[in-house]
C-alpha atoms as a PDB file:
ATOM      1  CA  MET A   1       1.540   6.781  22.532  1.00  0.00           C
ATOM      2  CA  ILE A   2       4.954   8.478  22.395  1.00  0.00           C
ATOM      3  CA  THR A   3       6.774   9.387  19.175  1.00  0.00           C
ATOM      4  CA  ASN A   4      10.430  10.348  18.921  1.00  0.00           C
ATOM      5  CA  GLU A   5      13.373  10.120  16.573  1.00  0.00           C
ATOM      6  CA  ILE A   6      16.235   7.759  17.316  1.00  0.00           C
ATOM      7  CA  THR A   7      19.554   7.085  15.581  1.00  0.00           C
ATOM      8  CA  PHE A   8      21.104   3.742  14.844  1.00  0.00           C
ATOM      9  CA  LYS A   9      24.574   4.077  13.327  1.00  0.00           C
ATOM     10  CA  ASP A  10      23.858   6.329  10.275  1.00  0.00           C
ATOM     11  CA  LEU A  11      20.122   5.633  10.173  1.00  0.00           C
ATOM     12  CA  ASN A  12      17.456   8.020  11.385  1.00  0.00           C
ATOM     13  CA  ILE A  13      14.347   6.197  12.609  1.00  0.00           C
ATOM     14  CA  LEU A  14      10.946   7.333  13.787  1.00  0.00           C
ATOM     15  CA  HIS A  15      10.144   5.404  16.984  1.00  0.00           C
ATOM     16  CA  VAL A  16       6.480   5.035  17.965  1.00  0.00           C
ATOM     17  CA  CYS A  17       5.996   3.632  21.475  1.00  0.00           C
ATOM     18  CA  ASN A  18       2.513   2.229  21.959  1.00  0.00           C
ATOM     19  CA  PRO A  19       1.984   0.356  25.265  1.00  0.00           C
ATOM     20  CA  LYS A  20      -0.986  -1.527  23.737  1.00  0.00           C
ATOM     21  CA  LEU A  21       1.231  -3.323  21.226  1.00  0.00           C
ATOM     22  CA  LYS A  22       2.331  -6.880  21.924  1.00  0.00           C
ATOM     23  CA  ASN A  23       5.153  -7.047  19.388  1.00  0.00           C
ATOM     24  CA  SER A  24       7.612  -4.729  17.651  1.00  0.00           C
ATOM     25  CA  TYR A  25       7.460  -3.862  13.946  1.00  0.00           C
ATOM     26  CA  ILE A  26       9.733  -2.157  11.448  1.00  0.00           C
ATOM     27  CA  SER A  27       8.441  -0.707   8.192  1.00  0.00           C
ATOM     28  CA  ILE A  28      10.122   1.056   5.291  1.00  0.00           C
ATOM     29  CA  CYS A  29       8.293   3.452   2.967  1.00  0.00           C
ATOM     30  CA  LYS A  30       9.236   4.235  -0.663  1.00  0.00           C
ATOM     31  CA  LYS A  31      10.736   7.577   0.338  1.00  0.00           C
ATOM     32  CA  GLY A  32      13.308   5.802   2.473  1.00  0.00           C
ATOM     33  CA  PHE A  33      11.507   6.572   5.735  1.00  0.00           C
ATOM     34  CA  ILE A  34      12.063   4.053   8.570  1.00  0.00           C
ATOM     35  CA  LYS A  35       9.442   3.558  11.222  1.00  0.00           C
ATOM     36  CA  LEU A  36       9.774   1.413  14.328  1.00  0.00           C
ATOM     37  CA  LYS A  37       6.693   0.560  16.407  1.00  0.00           C
ATOM     38  CA  THR A  38       7.148  -1.051  19.818  1.00  0.00           C
ATOM     39  CA  PRO A  39       5.440  -1.522  23.142  1.00  0.00           C
ATOM     40  CA  ARG A  40       7.221   0.019  26.131  1.00  0.00           C
ATOM     41  CA  VAL A  41      10.745  -1.445  25.853  1.00  0.00           C
ATOM     42  CA  SER A  42      14.274  -0.552  26.886  1.00  0.00           C
ATOM     43  CA  ASP A  43      16.794   1.285  24.739  1.00  0.00           C
ATOM     44  CA  ARG A  44      18.937  -1.871  24.795  1.00  0.00           C
ATOM     45  CA  PHE A  45      16.043  -3.908  23.385  1.00  0.00           C
ATOM     46  CA  ILE A  46      15.615  -1.384  20.540  1.00  0.00           C
ATOM     47  CA  GLN A  47      19.339  -1.373  19.672  1.00  0.00           C
ATOM     48  CA  ASN A  48      19.419  -5.201  19.652  1.00  0.00           C
ATOM     49  CA  LEU A  49      16.342  -5.344  17.446  1.00  0.00           C
ATOM     50  CA  LEU A  50      17.827  -2.857  14.981  1.00  0.00           C
ATOM     51  CA  SER A  51      21.087  -4.809  14.933  1.00  0.00           C
ATOM     52  CA  LYS A  52      19.228  -8.001  13.978  1.00  0.00           C
ATOM     53  CA  LYS A  53      17.219  -6.217  11.253  1.00  0.00           C
ATOM     54  CA  GLU A  54      20.052  -4.006   9.970  1.00  0.00           C
ATOM     55  CA  LEU A  55      20.807  -5.998   6.812  1.00  0.00           C
ATOM     56  CA  TRP A  56      17.099  -6.159   5.899  1.00  0.00           C
ATOM     57  CA  ILE A  57      16.655  -2.426   6.501  1.00  0.00           C
ATOM     58  CA  ARG A  58      19.645  -1.551   4.345  1.00  0.00           C
ATOM     59  CA  LYS A  59      18.462  -3.888   1.576  1.00  0.00           C
ATOM     60  CA  GLN A  60      15.092  -2.110   1.427  1.00  0.00           C
ATOM     61  CA  LEU A  61      16.762   1.317   1.503  1.00  0.00           C
ATOM     62  CA  LEU A  62      18.928   0.267  -1.429  1.00  0.00           C
ATOM     63  CA  HIS A  63      15.867  -0.667  -3.465  1.00  0.00           C
ATOM     64  CA  VAL A  64      14.370   2.737  -2.651  1.00  0.00           C
ATOM     65  CA  SER A  65      17.540   4.599  -3.714  1.00  0.00           C
ATOM     66  CA  GLN A  66      17.610   2.678  -7.024  1.00  0.00           C
ATOM     67  CA  ASN A  67      13.905   3.360  -7.583  1.00  0.00           C
ATOM     68  CA  LYS A  68      13.120  -0.349  -7.515  1.00  0.00           C
ATOM     69  CA  PRO A  69       9.930  -1.882  -6.114  1.00  0.00           C
ATOM     70  CA  LEU A  70      10.120  -2.730  -2.417  1.00  0.00           C
ATOM     71  CA  GLN A  71      10.764  -6.427  -2.017  1.00  0.00           C
ATOM     72  CA  ILE A  72       9.055  -8.732   0.474  1.00  0.00           C
ATOM     73  CA  ASN A  73       9.743 -12.252   1.680  1.00  0.00           C
ATOM     74  CA  LEU A  74       6.603 -14.389   1.330  1.00  0.00           C
ATOM     75  CA  GLU A  75       5.171 -15.563   4.670  1.00  0.00           C
ATOM     76  CA  ASP A  76       7.439 -13.073   6.518  1.00  0.00           C
ATOM     77  CA  GLU A  77       6.377  -9.658   5.195  1.00  0.00           C
ATOM     78  CA  VAL A  78       3.609  -7.777   3.467  1.00  0.00           C
ATOM     79  CA  LEU A  79       3.580  -4.614   1.318  1.00  0.00           C
ATOM     80  CA  LEU A  80       0.839  -2.093   2.158  1.00  0.00           C
ATOM     81  CA  PHE A  81       0.509   1.503   1.035  1.00  0.00           C
ATOM     82  CA  GLY A  82       4.173   1.659  -0.068  1.00  0.00           C
ATOM     83  CA  GLU A  83       5.531   0.283   3.213  1.00  0.00           C
ATOM     84  CA  VAL A  84       6.914  -3.139   4.062  1.00  0.00           C
ATOM     85  CA  TYR A  85       5.427  -4.632   7.247  1.00  0.00           C
ATOM     86  CA  SER A  86       6.340  -7.718   9.243  1.00  0.00           C
ATOM     87  CA  ILE A  87       3.831 -10.546   8.974  1.00  0.00           C
ATOM     88  CA  ASP A  88       3.306 -10.133  12.733  1.00  0.00           C
ATOM     89  CA  ALA A  89       2.058  -6.577  12.338  1.00  0.00           C
ATOM     90  CA  GLN A  90      -1.556  -5.728  13.154  1.00  0.00           C
ATOM     91  CA  GLU A  91      -2.021  -4.652   9.502  1.00  0.00           C
ATOM     92  CA  ALA A  92      -1.357  -8.271   8.390  1.00  0.00           C
ATOM     93  CA  LYS A  93      -3.811  -9.971  10.781  1.00  0.00           C
ATOM     94  CA  GLU A  94      -6.127 -11.257   8.013  1.00  0.00           C
ATOM     95  CA  LEU A  95      -3.189 -12.474   5.976  1.00  0.00           C
ATOM     96  CA  ARG A  96      -1.904 -14.561   8.938  1.00  0.00           C
ATOM     97  CA  CYS A  97      -5.379 -16.125   9.174  1.00  0.00           C
ATOM     98  CA  TYR A  98      -5.282 -17.148   5.519  1.00  0.00           C
ATOM     99  CA  LEU A  99      -1.783 -18.585   5.839  1.00  0.00           C
ATOM    100  CA  GLU A 100      -2.601 -20.535   9.044  1.00  0.00           C
ATOM    101  CA  LYS A 101      -5.464 -22.309   7.246  1.00  0.00           C
ATOM    102  CA  LEU A 102      -3.253 -23.614   4.439  1.00  0.00           C
ATOM    103  CA  LYS A 103      -3.147 -27.391   4.244  1.00  0.00           C
ATOM    104  CA  LYS A 104      -0.495 -27.339   1.525  1.00  0.00           C
ATOM    105  CA  PRO A 105       1.816 -24.296   2.074  1.00  0.00           C
ATOM    106  CA  ASP A 106       3.536 -24.337  -1.304  1.00  0.00           C
ATOM    107  CA  GLU A 107       4.435 -21.085  -3.126  1.00  0.00           C
ATOM    108  CA  LYS A 108       1.352 -21.163  -5.339  1.00  0.00           C
ATOM    109  CA  ASN A 109      -1.027 -21.398  -2.384  1.00  0.00           C
ATOM    110  CA  VAL A 110       0.900 -18.823  -0.392  1.00  0.00           C
ATOM    111  CA  ILE A 111       0.652 -16.345  -3.291  1.00  0.00           C
ATOM    112  CA  LYS A 112      -3.087 -17.064  -3.440  1.00  0.00           C
ATOM    113  CA  CYS A 113      -3.356 -16.169   0.261  1.00  0.00           C
ATOM    114  CA  TYR A 114      -1.642 -12.858  -0.481  1.00  0.00           C
ATOM    115  CA  ASP A 115      -3.964 -12.225  -3.458  1.00  0.00           C
ATOM    116  CA  ASN A 116      -7.037 -12.925  -1.252  1.00  0.00           C
ATOM    117  CA  PHE A 117      -5.675 -10.636   1.463  1.00  0.00           C
ATOM    118  CA  TYR A 118      -5.038  -7.766  -0.963  1.00  0.00           C
ATOM    119  CA  LYS A 119      -8.520  -8.178  -2.436  1.00  0.00           C
ATOM    120  CA  LEU A 120     -10.080  -8.064   1.046  1.00  0.00           C
ATOM    121  CA  TYR A 121      -7.950  -5.114   2.157  1.00  0.00           C
ATOM    122  CA  ALA A 122      -8.666  -3.258  -1.084  1.00  0.00           C
ATOM    123  CA  SER A 123     -12.417  -3.605  -0.704  1.00  0.00           C
ATOM    124  CA  GLN A 124     -12.269  -2.430   2.904  1.00  0.00           C
ATOM    125  CA  TYR A 125     -10.100   0.596   2.174  1.00  0.00           C
ATOM    126  CA  ILE A 126     -10.981   1.600  -1.393  1.00  0.00           C
ATOM    127  CA  VAL A 127     -14.804   1.256  -1.484  1.00  0.00           C
ATOM    128  CA  PRO A 128     -15.330   4.083   1.070  1.00  0.00           C
ATOM    129  CA  LYS A 129     -12.803   6.134  -0.898  1.00  0.00           C
ATOM    130  CA  VAL A 130     -14.726   5.652  -4.150  1.00  0.00           C
ATOM    131  CA  GLU A 131     -17.947   6.612  -2.399  1.00  0.00           C
ATOM    132  CA  GLN A 132     -16.311   9.717  -0.946  1.00  0.00           C
ATOM    133  CA  PHE A 133     -14.983  10.941  -4.307  1.00  0.00           C
ATOM    134  CA  SER A 134     -18.138   9.998  -6.243  1.00  0.00           C
ATOM    135  CA  LYS A 135     -20.171  12.245  -3.922  1.00  0.00           C
ATOM    136  CA  LEU A 136     -17.601  15.021  -4.157  1.00  0.00           C
ATOM    137  CA  MET A 137     -17.592  14.824  -7.975  1.00  0.00           C
ATOM    138  CA  ASN A 138     -21.382  14.267  -8.138  1.00  0.00           C
ATOM    139  CA  LEU A 139     -20.921  11.150 -10.268  1.00  0.00           C
ATOM    140  CA  ASP A 140     -22.818   7.901  -9.878  1.00  0.00           C
ATOM    141  CA  TYR A 141     -21.439   4.436 -10.705  1.00  0.00           C
ATOM    142  CA  GLU A 142     -23.306   1.126 -10.932  1.00  0.00           C
ATOM    143  CA  GLU A 143     -20.782  -1.237  -9.352  1.00  0.00           C
ATOM    144  CA  ILE A 144     -17.239  -1.565  -8.066  1.00  0.00           C
ATOM    145  CA  LYS A 145     -15.273  -4.716  -8.864  1.00  0.00           C
ATOM    146  CA  PHE A 146     -11.809  -5.796  -7.750  1.00  0.00           C
ATOM    147  CA  LYS A 147      -9.492  -7.936  -9.837  1.00  0.00           C
ATOM    148  CA  LYS A 148      -5.787  -8.689  -9.945  1.00  0.00           C
ATOM    149  CA  MET A 149      -4.554  -7.235 -13.230  1.00  0.00           C
ATOM    150  CA  ARG A 150      -1.114  -7.256 -14.811  1.00  0.00           C
ATOM    151  CA  SER A 151      -1.215  -4.200 -17.016  1.00  0.00           C
ATOM    152  CA  ARG A 152      -3.896  -1.794 -15.701  1.00  0.00           C
ATOM    153  CA  TRP A 153      -4.580  -0.115 -12.383  1.00  0.00           C
ATOM    154  CA  GLY A 154      -8.267   0.301 -13.182  1.00  0.00           C
ATOM    155  CA  SER A 155     -10.955   0.643 -15.790  1.00  0.00           C
ATOM    156  CA  CYS A 156     -14.424   2.093 -16.265  1.00  0.00           C
ATOM    157  CA  SER A 157     -16.957   0.484 -18.608  1.00  0.00           C
ATOM    158  CA  SER A 158     -19.780   2.077 -20.597  1.00  0.00           C
ATOM    159  CA  LYS A 159     -22.152   0.322 -18.138  1.00  0.00           C
ATOM    160  CA  ARG A 160     -20.638   2.518 -15.384  1.00  0.00           C
ATOM    161  CA  VAL A 161     -18.830  -0.416 -13.745  1.00  0.00           C
ATOM    162  CA  ILE A 162     -15.515   0.515 -12.173  1.00  0.00           C
ATOM    163  CA  THR A 163     -12.925  -2.269 -11.905  1.00  0.00           C
ATOM    164  CA  LEU A 164      -9.890  -1.667  -9.709  1.00  0.00           C
ATOM    165  CA  ASN A 165      -6.689  -3.657  -9.432  1.00  0.00           C
ATOM    166  CA  THR A 166      -6.289  -5.386  -6.066  1.00  0.00           C
ATOM    167  CA  GLN A 167      -2.575  -4.504  -6.253  1.00  0.00           C
ATOM    168  CA  LEU A 168      -3.501  -0.891  -5.659  1.00  0.00           C
ATOM    169  CA  ILE A 169      -3.357  -1.588  -1.954  1.00  0.00           C
ATOM    170  CA  LYS A 170       0.438  -1.892  -2.271  1.00  0.00           C
ATOM    171  CA  ILE A 171       1.026   1.688  -3.430  1.00  0.00           C
ATOM    172  CA  ASP A 172       0.891   5.092  -1.709  1.00  0.00           C
ATOM    173  CA  LYS A 173      -2.521   6.358  -0.656  1.00  0.00           C
ATOM    174  CA  GLU A 174      -2.266   9.535  -2.738  1.00  0.00           C
ATOM    175  CA  LEU A 175      -1.712   7.362  -5.852  1.00  0.00           C
ATOM    176  CA  ILE A 176      -4.773   5.334  -4.979  1.00  0.00           C
ATOM    177  CA  ASP A 177      -6.826   8.565  -4.736  1.00  0.00           C
ATOM    178  CA  TYR A 178      -5.549   9.638  -8.141  1.00  0.00           C
ATOM    179  CA  ILE A 179      -6.565   6.371  -9.777  1.00  0.00           C
ATOM    180  CA  ILE A 180     -10.012   6.499  -8.168  1.00  0.00           C
ATOM    181  CA  VAL A 181     -10.638  10.021  -9.439  1.00  0.00           C
ATOM    182  CA  HIS A 182      -9.202   9.030 -12.852  1.00  0.00           C
ATOM    183  CA  GLU A 183     -11.692   6.156 -13.226  1.00  0.00           C
ATOM    184  CA  LEU A 184     -14.631   8.170 -11.868  1.00  0.00           C
ATOM    185  CA  ALA A 185     -13.842  10.914 -14.408  1.00  0.00           C
ATOM    186  CA  HIS A 186     -14.395   8.332 -17.156  1.00  0.00           C
ATOM    187  CA  LEU A 187     -18.072   8.245 -16.152  1.00  0.00           C
ATOM    188  CA  THR A 188     -18.324  11.607 -17.826  1.00  0.00           C
ATOM    189  CA  HIS A 189     -15.552  11.400 -20.421  1.00  0.00           C
ATOM    190  CA  MET A 190     -14.856   7.941 -21.854  1.00  0.00           C
ATOM    191  CA  ASN A 191     -11.541   9.160 -23.277  1.00  0.00           C
ATOM    192  CA  HIS A 192      -8.401  11.062 -22.263  1.00  0.00           C
ATOM    193  CA  SER A 193      -9.405  14.388 -23.775  1.00  0.00           C
ATOM    194  CA  ARG A 194      -8.511  17.805 -22.406  1.00  0.00           C
ATOM    195  CA  LYS A 195     -11.922  17.951 -20.691  1.00  0.00           C
ATOM    196  CA  PHE A 196     -11.190  14.626 -19.003  1.00  0.00           C
ATOM    197  CA  HIS A 197      -7.838  15.830 -17.613  1.00  0.00           C
ATOM    198  CA  ASP A 198      -9.407  19.118 -16.531  1.00  0.00           C
ATOM    199  CA  LEU A 199     -11.979  17.191 -14.527  1.00  0.00           C
ATOM    200  CA  VAL A 200      -9.283  15.071 -12.851  1.00  0.00           C
ATOM    201  CA  ASP A 201      -7.234  18.216 -12.102  1.00  0.00           C
ATOM    202  CA  MET A 202     -10.185  19.745 -10.283  1.00  0.00           C
ATOM    203  CA  TYR A 203      -9.869  17.085  -7.569  1.00  0.00           C
ATOM    204  CA  ILE A 204      -6.228  16.017  -7.813  1.00  0.00           C
ATOM    205  CA  SER A 205      -3.994  19.076  -8.036  1.00  0.00           C
ATOM    206  CA  ASN A 206      -0.753  17.172  -8.824  1.00  0.00           C
ATOM    207  CA  ALA A 207      -2.274  14.621 -11.216  1.00  0.00           C
ATOM    208  CA  LYS A 208       0.565  14.877 -13.764  1.00  0.00           C
ATOM    209  CA  ASP A 209       3.263  14.188 -11.191  1.00  0.00           C
ATOM    210  CA  LEU A 210       1.285  11.225  -9.768  1.00  0.00           C
ATOM    211  CA  ASN A 211       0.788   9.799 -13.231  1.00  0.00           C
ATOM    212  CA  LYS A 212       4.561   9.879 -13.781  1.00  0.00           C
ATOM    213  CA  ARG A 213       5.107   8.122 -10.474  1.00  0.00           C
ATOM    214  CA  LEU A 214       2.646   5.400 -11.427  1.00  0.00           C
ATOM    215  CA  LYS A 215       4.447   4.706 -14.690  1.00  0.00           C
ATOM    216  CA  ALA A 216       7.656   4.080 -12.748  1.00  0.00           C
ATOM    217  CA  ILE A 217       6.025   1.428 -10.527  1.00  0.00           C
ATOM    218  CA  HIS A 218       6.403  -2.226 -11.459  1.00  0.00           C
ATOM    219  CA  LEU A 219       4.543  -4.257  -8.825  1.00  0.00           C
ATOM    220  CA  LEU A 220       2.602  -6.685 -10.963  1.00  0.00           C
END
């Protein structure tokens, strides 16, 4: 694997060359960072690819500069950890499987495929994270549940059941860590008291800044 920076017009792009890849992918993160992953290809191929994707790249960069949520085209793209990926990317493999099985590919069913994908991806990524932080914080929970929610990132019940929003998988990993620690802290403090925030701060040093970032996100 070879990594280097390339320039296309006024755009700076991180190029990752991985001979094991079959296709080429472009992703944009919320900080305006552009990443191009390709197998071993020529410079001409890269320039042609960037020319074809230039309008899409600039559209995503505009959303970033205006602090708007990254936008995706259903059936063409997927949003993971704050980056937009092509539907052909390795990260979207399970989503492609869901979409290929659709007998009636209308918008409602396509959205359901995305919801199922995010729930699957969330359980695969987040469950180990919850276990990691629960051991670190020496806190035990009874169960983890995943649900698509419109107004909350997560919750913790008096029965020690932690419910997490499947849409979490769309945002930056450090924000996911913050939410996990936040909900685990409720196992000790079922409120937002000073003691609660002190507990969160012990494991997330920039909790206040992350909380502000979360409030600015409108994915749901």
